[in-house]
């Protein structure tokens, strides 16, 4: 699959905006949640493209994320933007 740098940057900005603590003091977002809260992103990117971009951001050390496979199904869940991820965002604003 081809890496889409624009999608990666947009995902990082969206994560910074949407990630917040829940009632259990945990942070987590999935592509489904991103598409629900930011429907305009569905017009620009396919869900697989967003997942791949998140995987590359995790590989680069910009986010904390992992695959979850439970009764709700399989999904890629992001739990935070790393310090390096925040520094990168600040450098491209």
Protein backbone atom coordinates (compact mmCIF):
# COMPACT_ATOMS: atom_id res chain seq x y z
CA UNK A 1 0.00 0.00 0.00
CA UNK A 2 1.23 3.51 -0.78
CA UNK A 3 1.98 5.83 2.13
CA UNK A 4 -0.08 9.05 2.02
CA UNK A 5 1.76 11.82 3.88
CA UNK A 6 -1.21 14.20 3.72
CA UNK A 7 -3.46 11.59 5.32
CA UNK A 8 -0.84 10.94 7.99
CA UNK A 9 -0.59 14.65 8.85
CA UNK A 10 -4.37 15.05 8.93
CA UNK A 11 -4.76 11.98 11.16
CA UNK A 12 -2.21 13.40 13.59
CA UNK A 13 -4.02 16.75 13.79
CA UNK A 14 -7.35 14.94 14.27
CA UNK A 15 -5.91 12.76 17.04
CA UNK A 16 -4.56 15.82 18.82
CA UNK A 17 -8.00 17.41 18.65
CA UNK A 18 -10.18 14.41 19.53
CA UNK A 19 -8.19 12.34 22.03
CA UNK A 20 -9.42 12.94 25.57
CA UNK A 21 -9.76 10.98 28.78
CA UNK A 22 -12.93 8.94 29.24
CA UNK A 23 -14.61 8.22 32.59
CA UNK A 24 -12.03 5.45 33.24
CA UNK A 25 -9.14 7.90 32.67
CA UNK A 26 -8.21 6.18 29.39
CA UNK A 27 -7.82 7.74 25.96
CA UNK A 28 -8.67 5.82 22.80
CA UNK A 29 -9.81 6.48 19.25
CA UNK A 30 -10.49 4.23 16.30
CA UNK A 31 -10.97 5.05 12.63
CA UNK A 32 -14.71 4.45 13.07
CA UNK A 33 -14.82 7.05 15.84
CA UNK A 34 -12.77 9.50 13.76
CA UNK A 35 -15.16 9.09 10.82
CA UNK A 36 -18.15 9.58 13.12
CA UNK A 37 -16.78 12.75 14.72
CA UNK A 38 -15.14 14.12 11.54
CA UNK A 39 -17.43 12.97 8.68
CA UNK A 40 -15.62 15.18 6.16
CA UNK A 41 -12.58 12.91 6.41
CA UNK A 42 -14.64 10.07 4.82
CA UNK A 43 -14.81 12.12 1.62
CA UNK A 44 -11.02 12.40 1.43
CA UNK A 45 -9.70 9.01 2.57
CA UNK A 46 -10.79 5.38 2.58
CA UNK A 47 -10.85 3.67 6.00
CA UNK A 48 -7.97 1.37 4.95
CA UNK A 49 -5.90 4.41 4.02
CA UNK A 50 -6.54 5.94 7.44
CA UNK A 51 -5.63 2.71 9.24
CA UNK A 52 -2.43 2.37 7.21
CA UNK A 53 -1.54 6.00 7.97
CA UNK A 54 -2.09 5.38 11.69
CA UNK A 55 0.10 2.27 11.50
CA UNK A 56 2.89 4.31 9.89
CA UNK A 57 2.52 7.05 12.52
CA UNK A 58 2.88 4.39 15.21
CA UNK A 59 5.90 2.92 13.42
CA UNK A 60 7.48 6.42 13.30
CA UNK A 61 6.94 6.84 17.05
CA UNK A 62 4.36 9.64 16.74
CA UNK A 63 1.43 7.80 18.34
CA UNK A 64 0.72 4.92 20.72
CA UNK A 65 -1.62 2.41 19.05
CA UNK A 66 -2.38 -1.30 18.89
CA UNK A 67 -4.70 -3.83 17.28
CA UNK A 68 -7.65 -4.88 19.43
CA UNK A 69 -9.59 -8.06 18.70
CA UNK A 70 -12.52 -8.68 21.05
CA UNK A 71 -16.30 -9.15 21.04
CA UNK A 72 -16.66 -5.79 19.24
CA UNK A 73 -14.44 -7.01 16.40
CA UNK A 74 -10.94 -6.18 15.18
CA UNK A 75 -9.84 -2.54 15.12
CA UNK A 76 -6.76 -0.35 15.37
CA UNK A 77 -7.00 1.73 18.52
CA UNK A 78 -4.95 4.87 19.19
CA UNK A 79 -4.35 5.75 22.83
CA UNK A 80 -2.17 8.88 22.62
CA UNK A 81 0.05 11.20 20.61
CA UNK A 82 3.67 10.88 21.77
CA UNK A 83 5.94 13.73 22.78
CA UNK A 84 7.69 13.39 19.40
CA UNK A 85 4.30 13.50 17.70
CA UNK A 86 3.46 16.78 19.44
CA UNK A 87 6.86 18.23 18.49
CA UNK A 88 6.25 17.25 14.86
CA UNK A 89 2.81 18.87 14.89
CA UNK A 90 4.28 22.08 16.32
CA UNK A 91 6.91 22.10 13.56
CA UNK A 92 4.32 21.95 10.75
CA UNK A 93 1.73 24.41 12.06
